[in-house]
Structure formats: C-alpha cells, structure tokens
Amino acid sequence: GLLSVPQIAALARLARRLGITISRA
C-alpha cells in the first residue's frame, strides 16, 4: 500500500512536513 511514485510521494511528504498546501508540476 505504500505510495511508490517518487515525484508524488515527495510532494506529499513536503506538504505534511511544512503543514501547507503544495502545488507543483
């Protein structure tokens, strides 16, 4: 069940760490 698409997983981790919405290509 791990999110294994690196680009999407990295943005999810960044949003959780910063506590803000991240919106990127």
mmCIF file of all heavy atoms, coordinates in Angstrom:
data_MODEL
# 
_entry.id   MODEL 
# 
loop_
_atom_site.group_PDB 
_atom_site.id 
_atom_site.type_symbol 
_atom_site.label_atom_id 
_atom_site.label_alt_id 
_atom_site.label_comp_id 
_atom_site.label_asym_id 
_atom_site.label_entity_id 
_atom_site.label_seq_id 
_atom_site.pdbx_PDB_ins_code 
_atom_site.Cartn_x 
_atom_site.Cartn_y 
_atom_site.Cartn_z 
_atom_site.occupancy 
_atom_site.B_iso_or_equiv 
_atom_site.pdbx_formal_charge 
_atom_site.auth_seq_id 
_atom_site.auth_comp_id 
_atom_site.auth_asym_id 
_atom_site.auth_atom_id 
_atom_site.pdbx_PDB_model_num 
ATOM 1   N N   . GLY A 1 1  ? 0.783  -1.222 0.000   1.00 0.00 ? 1  GLY A N   1 
ATOM 2   C CA  . GLY A 1 1  ? 0.000  0.000  0.000   1.00 0.00 ? 1  GLY A CA  1 
ATOM 3   C C   . GLY A 1 1  ? 0.817  1.275  0.000   1.00 0.00 ? 1  GLY A C   1 
ATOM 4   O O   . GLY A 1 1  ? 0.262  2.380  0.001   1.00 0.00 ? 1  GLY A O   1 
ATOM 5   N N   . LEU A 1 2  ? 2.157  1.201  0.007   1.00 0.00 ? 2  LEU A N   1 
ATOM 6   C CA  . LEU A 1 2  ? 2.979  2.409  0.026   1.00 0.00 ? 2  LEU A CA  1 
ATOM 7   C C   . LEU A 1 2  ? 2.829  3.189  -1.273  1.00 0.00 ? 2  LEU A C   1 
ATOM 8   O O   . LEU A 1 2  ? 2.724  2.600  -2.360  1.00 0.00 ? 2  LEU A O   1 
ATOM 9   C CB  . LEU A 1 2  ? 4.453  2.043  0.224   1.00 0.00 ? 2  LEU A CB  1 
ATOM 10  C CG  . LEU A 1 2  ? 4.872  1.602  1.626   1.00 0.00 ? 2  LEU A CG  1 
ATOM 11  C CD1 . LEU A 1 2  ? 6.332  1.161  1.611   1.00 0.00 ? 2  LEU A CD1 1 
ATOM 12  C CD2 . LEU A 1 2  ? 4.660  2.726  2.629   1.00 0.00 ? 2  LEU A CD2 1 
ATOM 13  N N   . LEU A 1 3  ? 2.818  4.526  -1.142  1.00 0.00 ? 3  LEU A N   1 
ATOM 14  C CA  . LEU A 1 3  ? 2.819  5.382  -2.322  1.00 0.00 ? 3  LEU A CA  1 
ATOM 15  C C   . LEU A 1 3  ? 4.220  5.321  -2.925  1.00 0.00 ? 3  LEU A C   1 
ATOM 16  O O   . LEU A 1 3  ? 5.191  5.808  -2.324  1.00 0.00 ? 3  LEU A O   1 
ATOM 17  C CB  . LEU A 1 3  ? 2.451  6.813  -1.951  1.00 0.00 ? 3  LEU A CB  1 
ATOM 18  C CG  . LEU A 1 3  ? 2.473  7.846  -3.096  1.00 0.00 ? 3  LEU A CG  1 
ATOM 19  C CD1 . LEU A 1 3  ? 1.602  7.405  -4.256  1.00 0.00 ? 3  LEU A CD1 1 
ATOM 20  C CD2 . LEU A 1 3  ? 2.048  9.208  -2.574  1.00 0.00 ? 3  LEU A CD2 1 
ATOM 21  N N   . SER A 1 4  ? 4.362  4.727  -4.095  1.00 0.00 ? 4  SER A N   1 
ATOM 22  C CA  . SER A 1 4  ? 5.672  4.421  -4.660  1.00 0.00 ? 4  SER A CA  1 
ATOM 23  C C   . SER A 1 4  ? 5.990  5.209  -5.915  1.00 0.00 ? 4  SER A C   1 
ATOM 24  O O   . SER A 1 4  ? 6.980  4.911  -6.593  1.00 0.00 ? 4  SER A O   1 
ATOM 25  C CB  . SER A 1 4  ? 5.775  2.916  -4.956  1.00 0.00 ? 4  SER A CB  1 
ATOM 26  O OG  . SER A 1 4  ? 5.632  2.172  -3.754  1.00 0.00 ? 4  SER A OG  1 
ATOM 27  N N   . VAL A 1 5  ? 5.171  6.200  -6.257  1.00 0.00 ? 5  VAL A N   1 
ATOM 28  C CA  . VAL A 1 5  ? 5.503  7.097  -7.370  1.00 0.00 ? 5  VAL A CA  1 
ATOM 29  C C   . VAL A 1 5  ? 6.359  8.211  -6.768  1.00 0.00 ? 5  VAL A C   1 
ATOM 30  O O   . VAL A 1 5  ? 5.850  9.055  -6.019  1.00 0.00 ? 5  VAL A O   1 
ATOM 31  C CB  . VAL A 1 5  ? 4.242  7.670  -8.032  1.00 0.00 ? 5  VAL A CB  1 
ATOM 32  C CG1 . VAL A 1 5  ? 4.614  8.543  -9.225  1.00 0.00 ? 5  VAL A CG1 1 
ATOM 33  C CG2 . VAL A 1 5  ? 3.299  6.541  -8.459  1.00 0.00 ? 5  VAL A CG2 1 
ATOM 34  N N   . PRO A 1 6  ? 7.684  8.233  -7.014  1.00 0.00 ? 6  PRO A N   1 
ATOM 35  C CA  . PRO A 1 6  ? 8.587  9.110  -6.256  1.00 0.00 ? 6  PRO A CA  1 
ATOM 36  C C   . PRO A 1 6  ? 8.192  10.576 -6.274  1.00 0.00 ? 6  PRO A C   1 
ATOM 37  O O   . PRO A 1 6  ? 8.225  11.245 -5.240  1.00 0.00 ? 6  PRO A O   1 
ATOM 38  C CB  . PRO A 1 6  ? 9.948  8.891  -6.937  1.00 0.00 ? 6  PRO A CB  1 
ATOM 39  C CG  . PRO A 1 6  ? 9.846  7.553  -7.592  1.00 0.00 ? 6  PRO A CG  1 
ATOM 40  C CD  . PRO A 1 6  ? 8.412  7.422  -8.010  1.00 0.00 ? 6  PRO A CD  1 
ATOM 41  N N   . GLN A 1 7  ? 7.794  11.091 -7.454  1.00 0.00 ? 7  GLN A N   1 
ATOM 42  C CA  . GLN A 1 7  ? 7.507  12.513 -7.548  1.00 0.00 ? 7  GLN A CA  1 
ATOM 43  C C   . GLN A 1 7  ? 6.291  12.903 -6.708  1.00 0.00 ? 7  GLN A C   1 
ATOM 44  O O   . GLN A 1 7  ? 6.272  13.960 -6.069  1.00 0.00 ? 7  GLN A O   1 
ATOM 45  C CB  . GLN A 1 7  ? 7.287  12.910 -9.016  1.00 0.00 ? 7  GLN A CB  1 
ATOM 46  C CG  . GLN A 1 7  ? 8.487  12.653 -9.914  1.00 0.00 ? 7  GLN A CG  1 
ATOM 47  C CD  . GLN A 1 7  ? 8.583  11.213 -10.408 1.00 0.00 ? 7  GLN A CD  1 
ATOM 48  O OE1 . GLN A 1 7  ? 7.853  10.332 -9.962  1.00 0.00 ? 7  GLN A OE1 1 
ATOM 49  N NE2 . GLN A 1 7  ? 9.489  10.976 -11.344 1.00 0.00 ? 7  GLN A NE2 1 
ATOM 50  N N   . ILE A 1 8  ? 5.257  12.066 -6.703  1.00 0.00 ? 8  ILE A N   1 
ATOM 51  C CA  . ILE A 1 8  ? 4.053  12.360 -5.924  1.00 0.00 ? 8  ILE A CA  1 
ATOM 52  C C   . ILE A 1 8  ? 4.323  12.156 -4.437  1.00 0.00 ? 8  ILE A C   1 
ATOM 53  O O   . ILE A 1 8  ? 3.902  12.956 -3.598  1.00 0.00 ? 8  ILE A O   1 
ATOM 54  C CB  . ILE A 1 8  ? 2.879  11.479 -6.404  1.00 0.00 ? 8  ILE A CB  1 
ATOM 55  C CG1 . ILE A 1 8  ? 2.621  11.700 -7.900  1.00 0.00 ? 8  ILE A CG1 1 
ATOM 56  C CG2 . ILE A 1 8  ? 1.620  11.790 -5.600  1.00 0.00 ? 8  ILE A CG2 1 
ATOM 57  C CD1 . ILE A 1 8  ? 1.552  10.802 -8.483  1.00 0.00 ? 8  ILE A CD1 1 
ATOM 58  N N   . ALA A 1 9  ? 5.045  11.088 -4.099  1.00 0.00 ? 9  ALA A N   1 
ATOM 59  C CA  . ALA A 1 9  ? 5.351  10.811 -2.694  1.00 0.00 ? 9  ALA A CA  1 
ATOM 60  C C   . ALA A 1 9  ? 6.175  11.935 -2.076  1.00 0.00 ? 9  ALA A C   1 
ATOM 61  O O   . ALA A 1 9  ? 5.955  12.320 -0.917  1.00 0.00 ? 9  ALA A O   1 
ATOM 62  C CB  . ALA A 1 9  ? 6.101  9.482  -2.579  1.00 0.00 ? 9  ALA A CB  1 
ATOM 63  N N   . ALA A 1 10 ? 7.123  12.493 -2.843  1.00 0.00 ? 10 ALA A N   1 
ATOM 64  C CA  . ALA A 1 10 ? 7.961  13.574 -2.319  1.00 0.00 ? 10 ALA A CA  1 
ATOM 65  C C   . ALA A 1 10 ? 7.127  14.812 -2.012  1.00 0.00 ? 10 ALA A C   1 
ATOM 66  O O   . ALA A 1 10 ? 7.330  15.484 -0.990  1.00 0.00 ? 10 ALA A O   1 
ATOM 67  C CB  . ALA A 1 10 ? 9.062  13.908 -3.323  1.00 0.00 ? 10 ALA A CB  1 
ATOM 68  N N   . LEU A 1 11 ? 6.165  15.142 -2.870  1.00 0.00 ? 11 LEU A N   1 
ATOM 69  C CA  . LEU A 1 11 ? 5.321  16.310 -2.628  1.00 0.00 ? 11 LEU A CA  1 
ATOM 70  C C   . LEU A 1 11 ? 4.405  16.076 -1.430  1.00 0.00 ? 11 LEU A C   1 
ATOM 71  O O   . LEU A 1 11 ? 4.137  16.998 -0.649  1.00 0.00 ? 11 LEU A O   1 
ATOM 72  C CB  . LEU A 1 11 ? 4.501  16.632 -3.878  1.00 0.00 ? 11 LEU A CB  1 
ATOM 73  C CG  . LEU A 1 11 ? 5.310  17.129 -5.085  1.00 0.00 ? 11 LEU A CG  1 
ATOM 74  C CD1 . LEU A 1 11 ? 4.399  17.353 -6.282  1.00 0.00 ? 11 LEU A CD1 1 
ATOM 75  C CD2 . LEU A 1 11 ? 6.047  18.406 -4.742  1.00 0.00 ? 11 LEU A CD2 1 
ATOM 76  N N   . ALA A 1 12 ? 3.916  14.844 -1.257  1.00 0.00 ? 12 ALA A N   1 
ATOM 77  C CA  . ALA A 1 12 ? 3.079  14.543 -0.102  1.00 0.00 ? 12 ALA A CA  1 
ATOM 78  C C   . ALA A 1 12 ? 3.876  14.696 1.193   1.00 0.00 ? 12 ALA A C   1 
ATOM 79  O O   . ALA A 1 12 ? 3.379  15.255 2.184   1.00 0.00 ? 12 ALA A O   1 
ATOM 80  C CB  . ALA A 1 12 ? 2.516  13.127 -0.218  1.00 0.00 ? 12 ALA A CB  1 
ATOM 81  N N   . ARG A 1 13 ? 5.117  14.214 1.200   1.00 0.00 ? 13 ARG A N   1 
ATOM 82  C CA  . ARG A 1 13 ? 5.955  14.351 2.398   1.00 0.00 ? 13 ARG A CA  1 
ATOM 83  C C   . ARG A 1 13 ? 6.241  15.819 2.696   1.00 0.00 ? 13 ARG A C   1 
ATOM 84  O O   . ARG A 1 13 ? 6.226  16.244 3.865   1.00 0.00 ? 13 ARG A O   1 
ATOM 85  C CB  . ARG A 1 13 ? 7.279  13.590 2.208   1.00 0.00 ? 13 ARG A CB  1 
ATOM 86  C CG  . ARG A 1 13 ? 7.140  12.080 2.269   1.00 0.00 ? 13 ARG A CG  1 
ATOM 87  C CD  . ARG A 1 13 ? 8.497  11.413 2.408   1.00 0.00 ? 13 ARG A CD  1 
ATOM 88  N NE  . ARG A 1 13 ? 9.380  11.715 1.278   1.00 0.00 ? 13 ARG A NE  1 
ATOM 89  C CZ  . ARG A 1 13 ? 9.463  10.980 0.187   1.00 0.00 ? 13 ARG A CZ  1 
ATOM 90  N NH1 . ARG A 1 13 ? 8.709  9.890  0.048   1.00 0.00 ? 13 ARG A NH1 1 
ATOM 91  N NH2 . ARG A 1 13 ? 10.291 11.302 -0.791  1.00 0.00 ? 13 ARG A NH2 1 
ATOM 92  N N   . LEU A 1 14 ? 6.511  16.603 1.658   1.00 0.00 ? 14 LEU A N   1 
ATOM 93  C CA  . LEU A 1 14 ? 6.805  18.027 1.854   1.00 0.00 ? 14 LEU A CA  1 
ATOM 94  C C   . LEU A 1 14 ? 5.593  18.755 2.424   1.00 0.00 ? 14 LEU A C   1 
ATOM 95  O O   . LEU A 1 14 ? 5.716  19.569 3.343   1.00 0.00 ? 14 LEU A O   1 
ATOM 96  C CB  . LEU A 1 14 ? 7.233  18.656 0.524   1.00 0.00 ? 14 LEU A CB  1 
ATOM 97  C CG  . LEU A 1 14 ? 7.623  20.129 0.571   1.00 0.00 ? 14 LEU A CG  1 
ATOM 98  C CD1 . LEU A 1 14 ? 8.819  20.343 1.479   1.00 0.00 ? 14 LEU A CD1 1 
ATOM 99  C CD2 . LEU A 1 14 ? 7.915  20.640 -0.844  1.00 0.00 ? 14 LEU A CD2 1 
ATOM 100 N N   . ALA A 1 15 ? 4.410  18.465 1.902   1.00 0.00 ? 15 ALA A N   1 
ATOM 101 C CA  . ALA A 1 15 ? 3.196  19.119 2.392   1.00 0.00 ? 15 ALA A CA  1 
ATOM 102 C C   . ALA A 1 15 ? 2.950  18.761 3.854   1.00 0.00 ? 15 ALA A C   1 
ATOM 103 O O   . ALA A 1 15 ? 2.570  19.619 4.652   1.00 0.00 ? 15 ALA A O   1 
ATOM 104 C CB  . ALA A 1 15 ? 2.002  18.707 1.534   1.00 0.00 ? 15 ALA A CB  1 
ATOM 105 N N   . ARG A 1 16 ? 3.173  17.487 4.232   1.00 0.00 ? 16 ARG A N   1 
ATOM 106 C CA  . ARG A 1 16 ? 2.973  17.082 5.624   1.00 0.00 ? 16 ARG A CA  1 
ATOM 107 C C   . ARG A 1 16 ? 3.996  17.755 6.531   1.00 0.00 ? 16 ARG A C   1 
ATOM 108 O O   . ARG A 1 16 ? 3.661  18.248 7.612   1.00 0.00 ? 16 ARG A O   1 
ATOM 109 C CB  . ARG A 1 16 ? 3.092  15.566 5.758   1.00 0.00 ? 16 ARG A CB  1 
ATOM 110 C CG  . ARG A 1 16 ? 2.890  15.084 7.201   1.00 0.00 ? 16 ARG A CG  1 
ATOM 111 C CD  . ARG A 1 16 ? 3.073  13.582 7.343   1.00 0.00 ? 16 ARG A CD  1 
ATOM 112 N NE  . ARG A 1 16 ? 2.070  12.837 6.609   1.00 0.00 ? 16 ARG A NE  1 
ATOM 113 C CZ  . ARG A 1 16 ? 2.303  12.150 5.488   1.00 0.00 ? 16 ARG A CZ  1 
ATOM 114 N NH1 . ARG A 1 16 ? 3.527  12.133 4.977   1.00 0.00 ? 16 ARG A NH1 1 
ATOM 115 N NH2 . ARG A 1 16 ? 1.349  11.507 4.876   1.00 0.00 ? 16 ARG A NH2 1 
ATOM 116 N N   . ARG A 1 17 ? 5.247  17.809 6.097   1.00 0.00 ? 17 ARG A N   1 
ATOM 117 C CA  . ARG A 1 17 ? 6.297  18.385 6.935   1.00 0.00 ? 17 ARG A CA  1 
ATOM 118 C C   . ARG A 1 17 ? 6.084  19.872 7.162   1.00 0.00 ? 17 ARG A C   1 
ATOM 119 O O   . ARG A 1 17 ? 6.255  20.372 8.278   1.00 0.00 ? 17 ARG A O   1 
ATOM 120 C CB  . ARG A 1 17 ? 7.674  18.150 6.295   1.00 0.00 ? 17 ARG A CB  1 
ATOM 121 C CG  . ARG A 1 17 ? 8.822  18.739 7.091   1.00 0.00 ? 17 ARG A CG  1 
ATOM 122 C CD  . ARG A 1 17 ? 10.161 18.241 6.576   1.00 0.00 ? 17 ARG A CD  1 
ATOM 123 N NE  . ARG A 1 17 ? 10.409 18.630 5.203   1.00 0.00 ? 17 ARG A NE  1 
ATOM 124 C CZ  . ARG A 1 17 ? 10.937 19.803 4.854   1.00 0.00 ? 17 ARG A CZ  1 
ATOM 125 N NH1 . ARG A 1 17 ? 11.258 20.681 5.781   1.00 0.00 ? 17 ARG A NH1 1 
ATOM 126 N NH2 . ARG A 1 17 ? 11.169 20.090 3.585   1.00 0.00 ? 17 ARG A NH2 1 
ATOM 127 N N   . LEU A 1 18 ? 5.680  20.613 6.107   1.00 0.00 ? 18 LEU A N   1 
ATOM 128 C CA  . LEU A 1 18 ? 5.517  22.055 6.230   1.00 0.00 ? 18 LEU A CA  1 
ATOM 129 C C   . LEU A 1 18 ? 4.146  22.442 6.757   1.00 0.00 ? 18 LEU A C   1 
ATOM 130 O O   . LEU A 1 18 ? 3.954  23.569 7.239   1.00 0.00 ? 18 LEU A O   1 
ATOM 131 C CB  . LEU A 1 18 ? 5.743  22.725 4.870   1.00 0.00 ? 18 LEU A CB  1 
ATOM 132 C CG  . LEU A 1 18 ? 7.134  22.547 4.254   1.00 0.00 ? 18 LEU A CG  1 
ATOM 133 C CD1 . LEU A 1 18 ? 7.196  23.230 2.893   1.00 0.00 ? 18 LEU A CD1 1 
ATOM 134 C CD2 . LEU A 1 18 ? 8.217  23.095 5.172   1.00 0.00 ? 18 LEU A CD2 1 
ATOM 135 N N   . GLY A 1 19 ? 3.175  21.527 6.639   1.00 0.00 ? 19 GLY A N   1 
ATOM 136 C CA  . GLY A 1 19 ? 1.825  21.842 7.089   1.00 0.00 ? 19 GLY A CA  1 
ATOM 137 C C   . GLY A 1 19 ? 1.101  22.820 6.200   1.00 0.00 ? 19 GLY A C   1 
ATOM 138 O O   . GLY A 1 19 ? 0.181  23.513 6.647   1.00 0.00 ? 19 GLY A O   1 
ATOM 139 N N   . ILE A 1 20 ? 1.504  22.908 4.933   1.00 0.00 ? 20 ILE A N   1 
ATOM 140 C CA  . ILE A 1 20 ? 0.847  23.818 3.989   1.00 0.00 ? 20 ILE A CA  1 
ATOM 141 C C   . ILE A 1 20 ? 0.565  23.068 2.691   1.00 0.00 ? 20 ILE A C   1 
ATOM 142 O O   . ILE A 1 20 ? 1.133  22.008 2.426   1.00 0.00 ? 20 ILE A O   1 
ATOM 143 C CB  . ILE A 1 20 ? 1.711  25.054 3.675   1.00 0.00 ? 20 ILE A CB  1 
ATOM 144 C CG1 . ILE A 1 20 ? 3.024  24.636 2.985   1.00 0.00 ? 20 ILE A CG1 1 
ATOM 145 C CG2 . ILE A 1 20 ? 1.999  25.870 4.929   1.00 0.00 ? 20 ILE A CG2 1 
ATOM 146 C CD1 . ILE A 1 20 ? 3.849  25.799 2.492   1.00 0.00 ? 20 ILE A CD1 1 
ATOM 147 N N   . THR A 1 21 ? -0.323 23.640 1.887   1.00 0.00 ? 21 THR A N   1 
ATOM 148 C CA  . THR A 1 21 ? -0.636 23.052 0.587   1.00 0.00 ? 21 THR A CA  1 
ATOM 149 C C   . THR A 1 21 ? 0.535  23.246 -0.365  1.00 0.00 ? 21 THR A C   1 
ATOM 150 O O   . THR A 1 21 ? 1.061  24.353 -0.488  1.00 0.00 ? 21 THR A O   1 
ATOM 151 C CB  . THR A 1 21 ? -1.898 23.687 -0.008  1.00 0.00 ? 21 THR A CB  1 
ATOM 152 O OG1 . THR A 1 21 ? -3.002 23.431 0.865   1.00 0.00 ? 21 THR A OG1 1 
ATOM 153 C CG2 . THR A 1 21 ? -2.193 23.121 -1.387  1.00 0.00 ? 21 THR A CG2 1 
ATOM 154 N N   . ILE A 1 22 ? 0.943  22.185 -1.030  1.00 0.00 ? 22 ILE A N   1 
ATOM 155 C CA  . ILE A 1 22 ? 1.992  22.239 -2.040  1.00 0.00 ? 22 ILE A CA  1 
ATOM 156 C C   . ILE A 1 22 ? 1.343  21.922 -3.384  1.00 0.00 ? 22 ILE A C   1 
ATOM 157 O O   . ILE A 1 22 ? 0.613  20.938 -3.514  1.00 0.00 ? 22 ILE A O   1 
ATOM 158 C CB  . ILE A 1 22 ? 3.117  21.227 -1.759  1.00 0.00 ? 22 ILE A CB  1 
ATOM 159 C CG1 . ILE A 1 22 ? 3.744  21.502 -0.393  1.00 0.00 ? 22 ILE A CG1 1 
ATOM 160 C CG2 . ILE A 1 22 ? 4.160  21.256 -2.861  1.00 0.00 ? 22 ILE A CG2 1 
ATOM 161 C CD1 . ILE A 1 22 ? 4.486  22.812 -0.310  1.00 0.00 ? 22 ILE A CD1 1 
ATOM 162 N N   . SER A 1 23 ? 1.597  22.760 -4.380  1.00 0.00 ? 23 SER A N   1 
ATOM 163 C CA  . SER A 1 23 ? 1.013  22.560 -5.702  1.00 0.00 ? 23 SER A CA  1 
ATOM 164 C C   . SER A 1 23 ? 2.118  22.725 -6.740  1.00 0.00 ? 23 SER A C   1 
ATOM 165 O O   . SER A 1 23 ? 2.649  23.825 -6.909  1.00 0.00 ? 23 SER A O   1 
ATOM 166 C CB  . SER A 1 23 ? -0.114 23.575 -5.931  1.00 0.00 ? 23 SER A CB  1 
ATOM 167 O OG  . SER A 1 23 ? -0.785 23.325 -7.147  1.00 0.00 ? 23 SER A OG  1 
ATOM 168 N N   . ARG A 1 24 ? 2.472  21.630 -7.401  1.00 0.00 ? 24 ARG A N   1 
ATOM 169 C CA  . ARG A 1 24 ? 3.617  21.659 -8.315  1.00 0.00 ? 24 ARG A CA  1 
ATOM 170 C C   . ARG A 1 24 ? 3.388  20.754 -9.521  1.00 0.00 ? 24 ARG A C   1 
ATOM 171 O O   . ARG A 1 24 ? 2.644  19.785 -9.459  1.00 0.00 ? 24 ARG A O   1 
ATOM 172 C CB  . ARG A 1 24 ? 4.885  21.167 -7.617  1.00 0.00 ? 24 ARG A CB  1 
ATOM 173 C CG  . ARG A 1 24 ? 5.297  21.980 -6.410  1.00 0.00 ? 24 ARG A CG  1 
ATOM 174 C CD  . ARG A 1 24 ? 6.699  22.480 -6.542  1.00 0.00 ? 24 ARG A CD  1 
ATOM 175 N NE  . ARG A 1 24 ? 7.074  23.170 -5.319  1.00 0.00 ? 24 ARG A NE  1 
ATOM 176 C CZ  . ARG A 1 24 ? 8.025  22.774 -4.505  1.00 0.00 ? 24 ARG A CZ  1 
ATOM 177 N NH1 . ARG A 1 24 ? 8.691  21.681 -4.782  1.00 0.00 ? 24 ARG A NH1 1 
ATOM 178 N NH2 . ARG A 1 24 ? 8.321  23.469 -3.436  1.00 0.00 ? 24 ARG A NH2 1 
ATOM 179 N N   . ALA A 1 25 ? 4.086  21.072 -10.615 1.00 0.00 ? 25 ALA A N   1 
ATOM 180 C CA  . ALA A 1 25 ? 4.117  20.185 -11.778 1.00 0.00 ? 25 ALA A CA  1 
ATOM 181 C C   . ALA A 1 25 ? 5.048  19.016 -11.491 1.00 0.00 ? 25 ALA A C   1 
ATOM 182 O O   . ALA A 1 25 ? 6.012  19.144 -10.735 1.00 0.00 ? 25 ALA A O   1 
ATOM 183 C CB  . ALA A 1 25 ? 4.586  20.950 -13.007 1.00 0.00 ? 25 ALA A CB  1 
# 
